[in-house]
Structures are given as C-alpha cells and as structure tokens.
Protein backbone atom coordinates (compact mmCIF):
# COMPACT_ATOMS: atom_id res chain seq x y z
CA MET A 1 14.72 40.92 23.43
CA ASP A 2 15.94 40.75 19.59
CA SER A 3 13.85 39.54 17.00
CA SER A 4 15.90 36.20 16.48
CA SER A 5 15.39 35.20 20.13
CA SER A 6 11.74 35.85 20.10
CA ILE A 7 11.42 33.46 16.93
CA ASN A 8 13.29 30.76 18.86
CA ASP A 9 11.02 31.08 21.83
CA ASP A 10 7.84 30.95 19.68
CA PRO A 11 6.53 27.29 19.94
CA PHE A 12 4.38 27.94 16.74
CA VAL A 13 7.23 28.64 14.48
CA ASP A 14 8.75 26.07 12.16
CA PRO A 15 12.36 25.62 13.34
CA SER A 16 13.53 25.21 9.73
CA LEU A 17 12.37 28.75 8.92
CA THR A 18 14.14 30.53 11.70
CA ASP A 19 17.09 31.34 9.65
CA GLN A 20 14.98 33.30 7.13
CA PRO A 21 13.87 37.05 7.50
CA VAL A 22 11.38 37.86 10.04
CA ASP A 23 8.77 38.94 7.60
CA SER A 24 8.96 35.56 5.96
CA VAL A 25 8.17 33.93 9.40
CA ASP A 26 5.19 36.51 9.94
CA ASP A 27 3.67 35.06 6.58
CA LEU A 28 3.25 31.78 8.48
CA THR A 29 0.41 33.51 10.71
CA LEU A 30 -2.95 34.61 9.28
CA SER A 31 -5.29 36.83 11.09
CA VAL A 32 -8.91 35.46 11.02
CA GLY A 33 -10.86 37.63 13.00
CA ARG A 34 -10.62 39.94 15.96
CA ASN A 35 -9.20 37.22 18.39
CA ALA A 36 -8.37 34.19 16.05
CA PHE A 37 -4.82 33.42 14.32
CA LEU A 38 -3.89 30.51 11.89
CA THR A 39 -0.26 29.74 12.19
CA LEU A 40 1.69 27.10 10.08
CA GLY A 41 3.80 25.25 12.64
CA THR A 42 6.26 22.65 12.25
CA ASP A 43 4.06 19.59 11.46
CA ARG A 44 0.71 20.96 11.98
CA LEU A 45 -1.63 23.80 11.69
CA ILE A 46 -2.04 25.80 15.00
CA VAL A 47 -5.46 27.22 15.40
CA LEU A 48 -5.39 30.10 18.34
CA ASP A 49 -8.98 31.07 19.07
CA GLU A 50 -10.18 32.96 21.97
CA SER A 51 -13.73 31.52 21.61
CA PHE A 52 -12.33 27.94 22.47
CA VAL A 53 -12.65 29.13 26.04
CA LYS A 54 -16.32 29.42 25.87
CA ASP A 55 -16.46 25.48 25.42
CA GLU A 56 -13.59 23.79 27.50
CA SER A 57 -15.49 20.43 27.83
CA SER A 58 -14.95 19.43 24.37
CA HIS A 59 -12.48 20.00 21.43
CA CYS A 60 -13.77 22.37 19.15
CA CYS A 61 -14.46 20.80 15.59
CA GLY A 62 -12.54 17.66 16.80
CA LEU A 63 -9.26 19.73 16.79
CA ILE A 64 -6.49 18.29 19.09
CA SER A 65 -5.83 20.34 22.20
CA ASN A 66 -2.32 21.91 22.47
CA GLY A 67 -2.59 22.00 26.25
CA SER A 68 -3.95 25.57 26.07
CA LYS A 69 -7.58 26.61 26.35
CA THR A 70 -7.27 28.82 23.44
CA THR A 71 -5.16 26.63 21.01
CA ARG A 72 -5.82 23.74 18.82
CA ALA A 73 -3.90 21.81 16.22
CA ILE A 74 -4.51 19.88 12.93
CA PRO A 75 -1.72 17.78 11.69
CA PHE A 76 -0.74 18.83 8.28
CA TYR A 77 -1.27 15.22 6.95
CA ASN A 78 -5.01 15.56 7.93
CA ILE A 79 -5.48 18.73 5.88
CA LEU A 80 -7.48 17.74 2.75
CA TRP A 81 -8.21 21.19 1.12
CA SER A 82 -8.36 24.82 1.67
CA ASN A 83 -10.01 27.58 -0.40
CA LEU A 84 -10.96 31.22 -0.01
CA SER A 85 -14.55 32.19 -0.91
CA THR A 86 -15.77 35.83 -1.01
CA PHE A 87 -15.97 36.29 2.56
CA ASP A 88 -14.69 33.02 4.30
CA LEU A 89 -11.38 30.96 4.24
CA THR A 90 -12.54 27.12 4.82
CA ILE A 91 -10.12 24.23 5.59
CA HIS A 92 -11.25 20.85 4.96
CA TYR A 93 -9.60 18.12 7.06
CA ALA A 94 -9.80 14.60 8.34
CA GLN A 95 -10.93 14.72 11.95
CA LEU A 96 -9.92 11.55 14.02
CA THR A 97 -13.01 10.43 15.76
CA SER A 98 -11.79 7.09 17.26
CA LYS A 99 -8.45 5.18 17.18
CA ASN A 100 -9.35 3.89 13.48
CA VAL A 101 -11.90 6.25 12.23
CA VAL A 102 -11.53 9.66 10.49
CA ARG A 103 -14.36 11.72 9.14
CA ALA A 104 -14.46 14.84 7.06
CA ALA A 105 -14.71 18.19 8.77
CA ILE A 106 -14.58 21.72 8.32
CA ILE A 107 -13.44 24.95 10.01
CA ALA A 108 -14.09 28.37 8.55
CA TYR A 109 -13.34 31.90 9.49
CA ALA A 110 -14.30 35.28 7.83
CA ILE A 111 -11.23 37.01 6.12
CA GLU A 112 -11.09 40.94 6.03
CA LYS A 113 -10.55 42.42 2.54
CA SER A 114 -7.35 43.65 3.69
CA GLU A 115 -6.10 40.08 4.46
CA ARG A 116 -7.31 38.41 1.23
CA ALA A 117 -4.04 38.66 -0.70
CA LYS A 118 -2.22 37.24 2.03
CA ALA A 119 -4.82 34.65 2.87
CA THR A 120 -4.21 33.51 -0.91
CA THR A 121 -0.48 33.15 -0.21
CA TRP A 122 -1.05 31.40 2.89
CA ILE A 123 -3.28 28.75 1.52
CA VAL A 124 -0.54 27.83 -1.14
CA SER A 125 1.89 27.31 1.78
CA LEU A 126 -0.65 25.36 3.74
CA LEU A 127 -1.32 23.04 0.96
CA ASN A 128 2.37 22.50 0.11
CA ARG A 129 3.01 21.30 3.59
CA ALA A 130 -0.10 19.24 3.60
CA TYR A 131 0.67 17.34 0.38
CA GLY A 132 4.63 17.38 -0.02
CA GLU A 133 5.46 15.10 -2.95
CA SER A 134 1.78 13.65 -3.06
CA GLN A 135 -0.34 14.53 -6.11
CA ARG A 136 -3.27 16.82 -5.25
CA ARG A 137 -6.96 16.33 -6.61
CA LYS A 138 -6.22 12.72 -7.75
CA ARG A 139 -8.68 11.59 -10.39
CA ILE A 140 -9.93 8.25 -9.24
CA LYS A 141 -11.71 5.40 -10.81
CA VAL A 142 -13.61 3.82 -7.94
CA LEU A 143 -14.54 0.08 -8.19
CA ILE A 144 -17.00 -1.22 -5.80
CA ASN A 145 -17.36 -5.14 -5.21
CA PRO A 146 -21.09 -5.09 -3.79
CA PHE A 147 -20.49 -8.61 -2.33
CA GLY A 148 -17.23 -7.44 -0.43
CA GLY A 149 -17.23 -7.16 3.26
CA LYS A 150 -20.26 -9.47 3.54
CA GLY A 151 -22.08 -7.00 1.30
CA SER A 152 -21.05 -3.90 3.20
CA ALA A 153 -18.59 -2.50 0.67
CA GLN A 154 -21.20 0.04 -0.90
CA LYS A 155 -22.21 1.16 2.70
CA TRP A 156 -18.57 1.60 3.82
CA TYR A 157 -17.94 3.69 0.68
CA ASN A 158 -20.73 6.02 1.06
CA ARG A 159 -20.15 6.53 4.82
CA ASP A 160 -16.39 6.31 5.28
CA ILE A 161 -14.56 6.71 2.03
CA GLU A 162 -16.33 9.09 -0.43
CA PRO A 163 -16.60 12.11 2.12
CA ILE A 164 -12.91 11.95 2.30
CA PHE A 165 -12.22 12.07 -1.36
CA THR A 166 -14.70 14.91 -1.80
CA ALA A 167 -13.23 17.07 0.83
CA ALA A 168 -9.91 16.59 -0.77
CA ARG A 169 -11.33 17.66 -4.23
CA CYS A 170 -10.67 14.32 -5.85
CA GLU A 171 -12.24 13.69 -9.15
CA LEU A 172 -14.45 10.41 -8.90
CA SER A 173 -15.94 8.11 -11.47
CA VAL A 174 -17.85 5.13 -9.55
CA GLU A 175 -18.63 1.62 -10.82
CA ARG A 176 -20.07 -1.39 -9.39
CA THR A 177 -18.66 -4.73 -10.43
CA GLN A 178 -21.22 -7.07 -11.74
CA PHE A 179 -19.35 -10.40 -11.79
CA GLN A 180 -16.06 -12.18 -11.35
CA GLY A 181 -13.47 -10.69 -13.91
CA HIS A 182 -15.58 -7.59 -14.62
CA ALA A 183 -12.64 -5.46 -13.00
CA VAL A 184 -10.44 -7.09 -15.75
CA GLU A 185 -12.70 -5.85 -18.51
CA ILE A 186 -13.12 -2.36 -17.01
CA ALA A 187 -9.16 -1.78 -16.51
CA GLU A 188 -8.51 -3.29 -19.92
CA ASN A 189 -10.85 -0.66 -21.58
CA LEU A 190 -9.97 2.34 -19.45
CA GLU A 191 -8.64 5.41 -21.07
CA VAL A 192 -4.97 5.63 -19.52
CA ASN A 193 -4.88 9.39 -19.49
CA ALA A 194 -8.24 9.75 -17.75
CA PHE A 195 -7.35 8.63 -14.43
CA ASP A 196 -4.30 8.69 -11.89
CA VAL A 197 -5.73 6.02 -9.68
CA ILE A 198 -7.90 2.93 -9.68
CA ALA A 199 -9.24 2.30 -6.29
CA SER A 200 -10.94 -1.01 -5.54
CA CYS A 201 -13.51 -1.19 -2.47
CA SER A 202 -12.91 -4.82 -1.99
CA GLY A 203 -10.54 -7.41 -0.86
CA ASP A 204 -7.36 -8.31 -2.61
CA GLY A 205 -9.16 -10.04 -5.48
CA LEU A 206 -10.16 -6.77 -7.33
CA PRO A 207 -6.62 -5.36 -7.33
CA HIS A 208 -5.49 -8.55 -8.92
CA GLU A 209 -8.08 -8.13 -11.61
CA VAL A 210 -7.06 -4.62 -12.24
CA PHE A 211 -3.50 -5.30 -12.73
CA ASN A 212 -4.35 -8.00 -15.08
CA GLY A 213 -6.78 -5.72 -16.99
CA LEU A 214 -4.33 -3.08 -17.37
CA GLY A 215 -1.76 -5.87 -18.49
CA LYS A 216 -3.99 -6.78 -21.50
CA LYS A 217 -3.88 -3.36 -22.91
CA LYS A 218 -1.82 -2.57 -26.00
CA ASN A 219 -0.11 -0.04 -24.21
CA ALA A 220 0.24 -2.11 -21.08
CA TRP A 221 3.61 -0.71 -19.85
CA GLN A 222 2.37 2.82 -19.87
CA ALA A 223 -0.88 1.97 -18.10
CA LEU A 224 0.76 0.04 -15.46
CA SER A 225 3.59 2.70 -14.72
CA GLN A 226 1.02 5.53 -15.00
CA ILE A 227 -2.07 4.40 -13.04
CA ALA A 228 -1.74 3.59 -9.45
CA VAL A 229 -3.61 0.67 -8.53
CA VAL A 230 -4.85 0.76 -4.82
CA GLN A 231 -7.35 -0.98 -2.34
CA LEU A 232 -9.89 0.35 -0.05
CA PRO A 233 -10.19 -2.49 2.63
CA CYS A 234 -13.80 -3.68 2.10
CA GLY A 235 -12.98 -7.40 2.02
CA SER A 236 -12.07 -10.49 4.15
CA GLY A 237 -8.62 -10.22 2.94
CA ASN A 238 -7.21 -6.76 2.85
CA ALA A 239 -3.39 -7.55 2.66
CA MET A 240 -2.76 -4.75 0.04
CA SER A 241 -4.06 -2.07 2.38
CA TRP A 242 -2.13 -3.41 5.48
CA ASN A 243 1.04 -3.29 3.34
CA LEU A 244 0.77 0.15 1.85
CA ASN A 245 -1.50 1.85 4.29
CA GLY A 246 -0.79 0.03 7.60
CA THR A 247 -4.62 -0.43 8.23
CA ASP A 248 -7.79 -2.24 7.26
CA SER A 249 -9.96 0.87 8.22
CA PRO A 250 -11.81 2.16 5.03
CA SER A 251 -11.82 5.91 6.32
CA LEU A 252 -8.06 5.90 7.22
CA ALA A 253 -7.18 4.13 3.96
CA ALA A 254 -9.19 6.85 2.15
CA LEU A 255 -7.02 9.44 3.95
CA TYR A 256 -3.74 7.58 3.08
CA ILE A 257 -4.78 7.18 -0.66
CA VAL A 258 -5.39 10.97 -0.67
CA LYS A 259 -2.00 11.58 0.64
CA GLY A 260 -0.30 8.48 -1.12
CA ILE A 261 3.15 8.99 -2.77
CA GLN A 262 3.40 7.15 -6.20
CA THR A 263 5.44 3.98 -5.91
CA PRO A 264 6.83 1.50 -8.52
CA LEU A 265 5.83 -2.06 -7.65
CA ASP A 266 7.39 -5.19 -8.95
CA LEU A 267 4.92 -7.44 -10.55
CA ILE A 268 5.34 -11.17 -11.17
CA SER A 269 4.49 -12.93 -14.65
CA ILE A 270 3.01 -16.26 -13.95
CA THR A 271 2.91 -18.77 -16.87
CA GLN A 272 0.84 -21.93 -16.64
CA GLY A 273 -0.30 -23.90 -19.72
CA ASN A 274 -0.62 -21.25 -22.15
CA ARG A 275 -1.84 -18.56 -19.86
CA ARG A 276 0.17 -15.52 -18.40
CA THR A 277 -1.18 -13.69 -15.28
CA LEU A 278 0.36 -10.99 -13.29
CA SER A 279 0.77 -11.33 -9.59
CA PHE A 280 1.17 -8.45 -7.15
CA LEU A 281 0.93 -10.15 -3.68
CA SER A 282 2.08 -13.76 -3.31
CA GLN A 283 2.17 -17.27 -4.77
CA ALA A 284 1.62 -20.15 -2.48
CA VAL A 285 1.57 -24.02 -2.41
CA GLY A 286 1.26 -26.10 0.57
CA VAL A 287 0.20 -25.26 4.06
CA VAL A 288 -0.54 -21.59 3.28
CA ALA A 289 -2.46 -22.25 0.19
CA GLU A 290 -4.64 -24.81 1.84
CA SER A 291 -5.11 -22.59 4.83
CA ASP A 292 -6.49 -19.95 2.60
CA LEU A 293 -8.28 -21.62 -0.08
CA GLY A 294 -9.09 -24.81 1.71
CA THR A 295 -11.07 -22.85 4.34
CA GLU A 296 -13.48 -20.98 2.17
CA ASN A 297 -16.53 -22.77 4.23
CA LEU A 298 -15.22 -20.91 7.24
CA ARG A 299 -15.34 -17.40 5.93
CA TRP A 300 -17.66 -16.47 8.97
CA MET A 301 -14.49 -16.76 11.01
CA GLY A 302 -13.09 -13.90 9.36
CA SER A 303 -9.15 -13.64 9.32
CA ALA A 304 -9.02 -16.37 12.15
CA ARG A 305 -9.92 -18.97 9.54
CA PHE A 306 -6.38 -18.45 7.97
CA THR A 307 -4.76 -19.42 11.54
CA TYR A 308 -7.15 -22.20 12.17
CA GLY A 309 -6.34 -23.87 8.75
CA PHE A 310 -2.49 -23.00 9.22
CA LEU A 311 -2.52 -24.66 12.69
CA VAL A 312 -4.48 -27.67 11.61
CA ARG A 313 -2.13 -28.48 8.80
CA LEU A 314 1.08 -27.85 10.75
CA LEU A 315 0.01 -30.05 13.40
CA GLY A 316 -0.89 -32.91 11.02
CA LYS A 317 2.78 -32.75 9.24
CA THR A 318 1.26 -32.36 5.91
CA VAL A 319 3.68 -32.65 2.94
CA TYR A 320 3.45 -31.72 -0.72
CA PRO A 321 6.12 -33.39 -2.71
CA CYS A 322 7.27 -31.27 -5.80
CA ASP A 323 10.43 -30.29 -7.84
CA VAL A 324 11.46 -26.74 -7.86
CA ALA A 325 13.94 -24.56 -9.85
CA VAL A 326 14.93 -21.29 -8.48
CA LYS A 327 16.87 -18.41 -9.94
CA MET A 328 18.49 -17.11 -6.61
CA GLU A 329 20.00 -13.73 -6.09
CA ILE A 330 20.61 -13.53 -2.28
CA GLY A 331 20.38 -16.66 -0.24
CA ASP A 332 22.03 -15.58 3.20
CA LYS A 333 19.76 -14.12 5.86
CA SER A 334 22.50 -11.53 6.97
CA ALA A 335 22.96 -10.53 3.40
CA ILE A 336 19.16 -10.05 2.84
CA ARG A 337 19.17 -7.95 6.05
CA GLU A 338 21.78 -5.69 4.69
CA HIS A 339 20.01 -5.37 1.44
CA TYR A 340 16.70 -4.22 3.26
CA ARG A 341 18.88 -1.57 5.71
CA HIS A 342 20.46 -0.10 2.50
CA GLU A 343 17.01 0.75 1.17
CA VAL A 344 15.67 2.05 4.37
CA ALA A 345 18.96 4.25 4.58
CA ASN A 346 18.88 5.55 0.98
CA PRO A 347 15.20 6.57 0.10
CA ALA A 348 14.80 8.38 -3.32
CA SER A 349 11.88 10.45 -4.36
CA SER A 350 9.12 8.96 -6.33
CA SER A 351 10.23 10.49 -9.53
CA GLU A 352 13.72 9.45 -9.05
CA ARG A 353 12.52 5.77 -8.38
CA ARG A 354 10.37 5.81 -11.30
CA LYS A 355 13.06 7.23 -13.70
CA ALA A 356 15.49 4.58 -12.27
CA VAL A 357 13.18 1.82 -12.95
CA SER A 358 12.27 2.97 -16.33
CA SER A 359 15.76 3.31 -17.31
CA LYS A 360 16.74 -0.17 -16.49
CA MET A 361 13.55 -1.45 -18.23
CA VAL A 362 14.63 0.43 -21.52
CA ASP A 363 18.16 -0.93 -21.18
CA SER A 364 16.97 -4.49 -20.72
CA SER A 365 16.14 -6.75 -23.62
CA SER A 366 12.69 -7.49 -22.14
CA MET A 367 11.61 -4.04 -22.88
CA SER A 368 12.58 -3.68 -26.41
CA GLU A 369 9.09 -2.68 -27.43
CA ILE A 370 7.84 -0.16 -24.83
CA GLY A 371 4.12 0.55 -25.30
CA ASP A 372 3.41 -2.66 -27.10
CA GLY A 373 2.15 -4.60 -24.08
CA LEU A 374 3.80 -6.48 -21.31
CA PRO A 375 7.56 -7.20 -21.29
CA THR A 376 8.83 -10.13 -22.91
CA LEU A 377 9.89 -12.89 -20.51
CA ASP A 378 13.52 -13.35 -20.13
CA PHE A 379 13.13 -16.90 -18.87
CA GLY A 380 10.57 -18.10 -21.12
CA THR A 381 7.38 -19.85 -20.02
CA VAL A 382 6.74 -23.05 -18.04
CA ASN A 383 6.49 -24.91 -21.25
CA ASP A 384 10.14 -24.03 -22.35
CA ASP A 385 13.25 -25.85 -21.44
CA LEU A 386 14.72 -24.87 -18.13
CA PRO A 387 16.53 -21.62 -18.32
CA THR A 388 20.31 -21.79 -18.38
CA GLY A 389 21.59 -21.90 -14.96
CA TRP A 390 18.39 -23.18 -13.21
CA HIS A 391 18.47 -26.54 -11.63
CA LEU A 392 15.48 -28.64 -10.76
CA LEU A 393 15.72 -29.98 -7.15
CA PRO A 394 13.49 -32.54 -5.40
CA TYR A 395 11.50 -31.28 -2.47
CA ASP A 396 10.03 -34.44 -1.20
CA LYS A 397 9.08 -33.28 2.19
CA LEU A 398 7.91 -29.63 1.46
CA GLY A 399 5.30 -28.23 3.79
CA ASN A 400 5.36 -24.70 2.64
CA PHE A 401 6.29 -23.07 -0.58
CA TYR A 402 5.48 -19.34 -0.36
CA ALA A 403 6.71 -16.50 -2.55
CA GLY A 404 5.83 -12.96 -1.43
CA ASN A 405 6.09 -9.49 -3.17
CA MET A 406 4.40 -7.74 -0.01
CA ALA A 407 5.22 -8.23 3.68
CA TYR A 408 1.79 -8.62 5.29
CA MET A 409 -0.25 -11.46 4.11
CA ALA A 410 -3.09 -10.95 6.73
CA PRO A 411 -3.33 -8.87 9.95
CA ASN A 412 -0.55 -9.64 12.24
CA ALA A 413 0.99 -12.03 9.63
CA VAL A 414 4.29 -10.68 8.25
CA PHE A 415 5.55 -13.71 6.46
CA PHE A 416 7.95 -11.64 4.18
CA PRO A 417 9.59 -8.73 6.55
CA ALA A 418 12.39 -8.33 4.00
CA THR A 419 10.21 -7.45 1.16
CA LEU A 420 10.51 -4.08 -0.83
CA PRO A 421 8.15 -2.77 -3.26
CA ASN A 422 10.59 -2.39 -6.26
CA ASP A 423 13.85 -3.98 -5.25
CA GLY A 424 13.37 -6.42 -8.37
CA PHE A 425 13.21 -9.66 -5.97
CA LEU A 426 10.54 -11.95 -4.94
CA ASP A 427 11.11 -13.44 -1.45
CA LEU A 428 10.82 -17.04 -1.11
CA VAL A 429 10.07 -19.01 2.06
CA THR A 430 10.10 -22.70 2.23
CA VAL A 431 9.61 -24.91 5.14
CA ASP A 432 9.67 -28.74 5.40
CA GLY A 433 6.61 -30.36 6.42
CA ASP A 434 8.17 -33.06 8.73
CA ILE A 435 9.40 -30.55 11.53
CA SER A 436 8.40 -31.24 14.91
CA ARG A 437 4.80 -30.08 16.21
CA ARG A 438 6.58 -27.78 18.73
CA ALA A 439 8.49 -26.15 15.90
CA ALA A 440 5.36 -25.94 13.82
CA ILE A 441 3.46 -24.11 16.69
CA GLN A 442 6.58 -21.91 17.19
CA SER A 443 6.35 -20.97 13.60
CA LEU A 444 2.74 -19.82 13.81
CA LEU A 445 3.57 -17.69 16.86
CA ALA A 446 6.62 -16.23 15.36
CA VAL A 447 4.70 -15.01 12.51
CA GLU A 448 2.43 -12.80 14.83
CA LYS A 449 5.52 -11.90 16.98
CA GLY A 450 7.72 -10.82 14.01
CA THR A 451 10.56 -13.18 14.43
CA PHE A 452 9.66 -15.59 11.74
CA PHE A 453 12.47 -14.57 9.60
CA GLU A 454 14.96 -15.59 12.20
CA MET A 455 13.71 -19.08 12.65
CA PRO A 456 16.46 -21.62 11.82
CA HIS A 457 14.09 -23.92 9.91
CA VAL A 458 12.78 -21.10 7.86
CA ASN A 459 14.68 -20.98 4.40
CA TYR A 460 14.43 -17.29 3.30
CA ARG A 461 15.68 -16.34 -0.17
CA LYS A 462 15.52 -13.37 -2.63
CA ILE A 463 14.85 -14.37 -6.19
CA VAL A 464 14.06 -13.30 -9.50
CA GLY A 465 12.24 -16.39 -10.84
CA TYR A 466 11.17 -20.02 -10.33
CA ARG A 467 9.53 -23.10 -11.60
CA TRP A 468 7.14 -25.36 -9.45
CA ILE A 469 6.15 -28.89 -10.55
CA PRO A 470 3.78 -31.16 -8.37
CA LYS A 471 4.92 -34.57 -7.78
CA GLY A 472 2.82 -37.60 -6.91
CA GLN A 473 -0.07 -35.35 -6.04
CA ARG A 474 -3.11 -35.34 -8.74
CA ASP A 475 -4.94 -32.28 -6.90
CA GLY A 476 -4.30 -29.45 -4.43
CA PHE A 477 -4.19 -25.91 -3.97
CA ILE A 478 -2.28 -23.24 -5.79
CA SER A 479 -3.01 -19.64 -4.64
CA ILE A 480 -1.95 -16.72 -6.71
CA ASP A 481 -2.95 -13.46 -4.84
CA GLY A 482 -5.42 -15.29 -2.86
CA GLU A 483 -7.12 -16.70 -6.11
CA ARG A 484 -7.24 -20.52 -6.91
CA PHE A 485 -5.32 -21.85 -9.88
CA PRO A 486 -5.21 -25.13 -11.45
CA PHE A 487 -2.84 -27.42 -9.91
CA GLU A 488 -0.50 -27.67 -12.57
CA PRO A 489 3.21 -26.70 -12.95
CA PHE A 490 3.77 -22.92 -13.19
CA GLN A 491 6.71 -20.50 -13.52
CA ALA A 492 7.23 -17.14 -12.08
CA GLU A 493 9.48 -14.14 -13.30
CA VAL A 494 9.77 -10.88 -11.66
CA HIS A 495 9.32 -7.47 -13.48
CA ARG A 496 11.10 -4.68 -11.59
CA GLY A 497 8.95 -1.59 -10.94
CA LEU A 498 6.37 -2.80 -13.79
CA GLY A 499 3.36 -1.65 -11.69
CA THR A 500 2.36 1.60 -9.55
CA VAL A 501 0.67 1.82 -6.32
CA LEU A 502 0.45 4.72 -3.64
CA SER A 503 2.24 4.18 -0.32
CA LYS A 504 2.74 6.35 2.87
CA SER A 505 6.45 6.30 2.55
CA GLY A 506 6.89 5.95 -1.19
CA HIS A 507 9.52 3.08 -0.88
CA LEU A 508 8.55 0.79 2.08
CA TYR A 509 5.99 -1.43 3.32
CA GLU A 510 4.17 -0.38 6.54
CA ALA A 511 5.26 -3.81 8.31
CA ARG A 512 8.30 -3.75 10.60
CA GLY A 513 11.15 -4.77 8.46
CA VAL A 514 14.31 -6.66 9.21
CA ALA A 515 16.68 -3.45 9.69
C-alpha cells in the first residue's frame, strides 16, 4: 500500500490536507506518552489513549466517544485554549454536560523533551483550527445587572460564564450596574482602546444602554465600530442572545462569545421631541408593544406573558389609529426573499464586511465628520418637515406596527425572518387590527411555526426610515428595544453597519430565514 492510499484510509486525517506531503500530515499527530496520541482531524481533536479502556462505563473527561474504546473527540469549536508548561501539554475546552450546558474542563499529558518543539507547533495549529477568524483572548468589560434573571445574574456569571472566559484566557473587567441608566454612563466613559467587547449579563435593556452610552462619546463612530456589544442571557428578555447565539443558556452564550466573529450591525436613530436614541432591536406600537410593556405585572409568567398579552389583544380586535410615512426600499415579498438568499449565498469575511460598510459611510454625506460623534441624520428629525418623497398615510385600523432589526423577538417568536445584521434596512410589519379572530389566532401560531412571513394579511417591507404619529389616542405604549418611550410622534432612520456585535456566522442571525 502506498502512502497516499494509507492517508485516504485514515479516518483521523483532515481530507483537505491529503494533497500535502506526508510529513505535513504527520505533523497533525502528537505523541503524548507511551500509548496516547492527539490528532487534528477534520473538525475535531481526536484523542487516542489506551487508558480509556480501563473505564468504559463513562466518557473520560467528558469527551465524545468516537465509537472506539480507545478514542475520544473534542470539536475544535469547543477548544478554549492550549499551552505547554515545563512538563505538560494542557488543553482547556468546553465540555457539554447536558443539552444546554457546557462547563470548563481540562485534559493534560506529559510531553517528552524530544517532542516539545513539535508540540509548540502543534498547539499553534490546534488554536488556528479552534478560532478561525475569531479573535483570541478577547478583552471583555462585563456588566452585571444584579436584578437580572430574578436576581440570579451574579450567580449565573460566577457558575456558568466566568469559568469559560477564564479558560479561554480572556481579560476581564467586571462591574455591577447600580441603577437604571448606569450602563449608559459606564459605556460613555469607557476607554475605547482598552476593550474589545462589552458583555451585559442581563436582559435586552443593558445592551440598549451600552449602545447609547457609546453613541454619546465624542468618537462615537470609532467606539461603535470597534467595540462589540454582546449579551450574556440573564434576563426575562434575551432576544439579542437568541439572534446572535441561538440560545438563552448563559454557559453556551459564553462559549459562543469566546468564538464569536465580529459582525457589523445596523443601528437606528430614533428622534422624539429633542431626544435622539439608538435602537438595535425593534420599535413597536400596538399589539406587540402592549403585549410587552402592558404585561409587566405578569413577569412571573416569564416569556409566556408576551404570548398571553398578544392573544388577549388580538382576540379583542384592538386598533391603534395613526398616520405613518415610510421610506420603502423593497416592498414585494418575493423580492425580499431574493435579497435574503443573495446574502446567504455570498458571505464575506468580517474584515471585508467592515471595510465595505466603512467605505460607504465615508462616501455618504452623513459621515462627513468621522470620529466626531454620531452620523448626521439624512432625513432630519421628527420635528422637521416630512422628507422629500415621504407621504403621510392614514392607518385608522392599525393593529400592529412593528419594525425589527433582528429576527427573534422572544424564544420561538421570529417576527422578522428576512432581517440581516447589516443590509442597511429595517424590516417593517403592519397588520390591521380588524382581521377575524381566526386569522388573529393563526397569526400567533404562525409566529411559532415560522410561517408568519407568508400570511397574506401580513404586510412586510424593507425600509430605511419612517415617521409615526398617533391619532385620536392620548396615551398608549411605544416600545423601543423593550423600553417604554413617551406616547408621542417619533421618527426612525437606519445607519448601515454603525454598531458591532459578535455572531456565530459573521453575517446572519440564528433564526431560520426566508431562503
């Protein structure tokens, strides 16, 4: 048998390397003792150890069985760090202990003096595979809301999150927020070059504050494009984590942040009165806003309170009269689907995405003074005359006005399946409030089934700005990123890629899209 056939028959060899010289392939395997070997496979580290046979009743160190009594495997994604000490090679990894929980774990082997040079090179190859384009040893400013998760945020951080960050050799600075708005002050006064990430152990409220704190800095554009804002799900609303990490598990989210890829995120300027606010998640008036903000007394129900409030108002055929002006870019559902498919099929690297976004912002008149705060508003504020080309239309029977920048708004609630992190558009959904009760119930079920986009009575558009004005209603609920705002006219404008987050894919949300 020649060397090429032996390579192709070896299940532990990365197929992408089979055309390389044999000695290159041999470098993938490291001898770590008399009867143990570590091999860099296609997508995981293969651990072959004769000592595993001594304990067949359990997985040694939480490793995944490879169907052999002597081999185990660790996915590269779960590798957190590896280092070589005087005598040992140590590998830190995230061990899956249940469906939604990982714990920091270690395997270590003695290294012979003759193998140390090879081990050093082997570790470099291991970490290259483990991290890909993700930044290693992230410098993370951790903000803990002591009231988040019914007061459990600190406990979850200590138990589920900090051990993962520490094992990955992240540099941590931890601070507890003391009052509402404290995260705004912390982010505003943060040294931009001191951190790569601001991670909020909270619900969606703290990330909202962090974005707005960075937006208050004199070098807001630099801060927002340089520092990634992420959520460690420790609140009652964890939409940000569902969208970027696909989970509300604190430990899994910690792993996904360690391995997260820097991703530009569209941010939306909301002007109301003389106030300008940044929104990263959604803006809602009508059924959704009342289902969220109008059920604060039902927080004990968890995420079910949203479903309950939604159902009560849909069945009641509640309407919210208003006037709305929209700057629409894509109004046809088939065209929206094609737009989404194009992004799925044409991913760019994170550096290419940031370069493209920065180039467009520099070329735009709105970014004439980069580094001097937020971009100027192309459409003015809510106090200005209606922008050219905008037409104010009456919505006398509006039931739901919902604009989303992310797909998930709650677990199993994908209202905006066509959203993309940085396509420069906001997805707008409007539904009349006088639809039949049967259609209302079907709408609720469709959100959980992922068919909401397809429903004929759901008006779905991609827009770059809008103005909303209440009519005949003195008080009500306006929700911006889940926070209550005054019941007054407001205007929204999208800034493409102004913010930065960490995501698993680098260009998509974790919800099932419309491709």
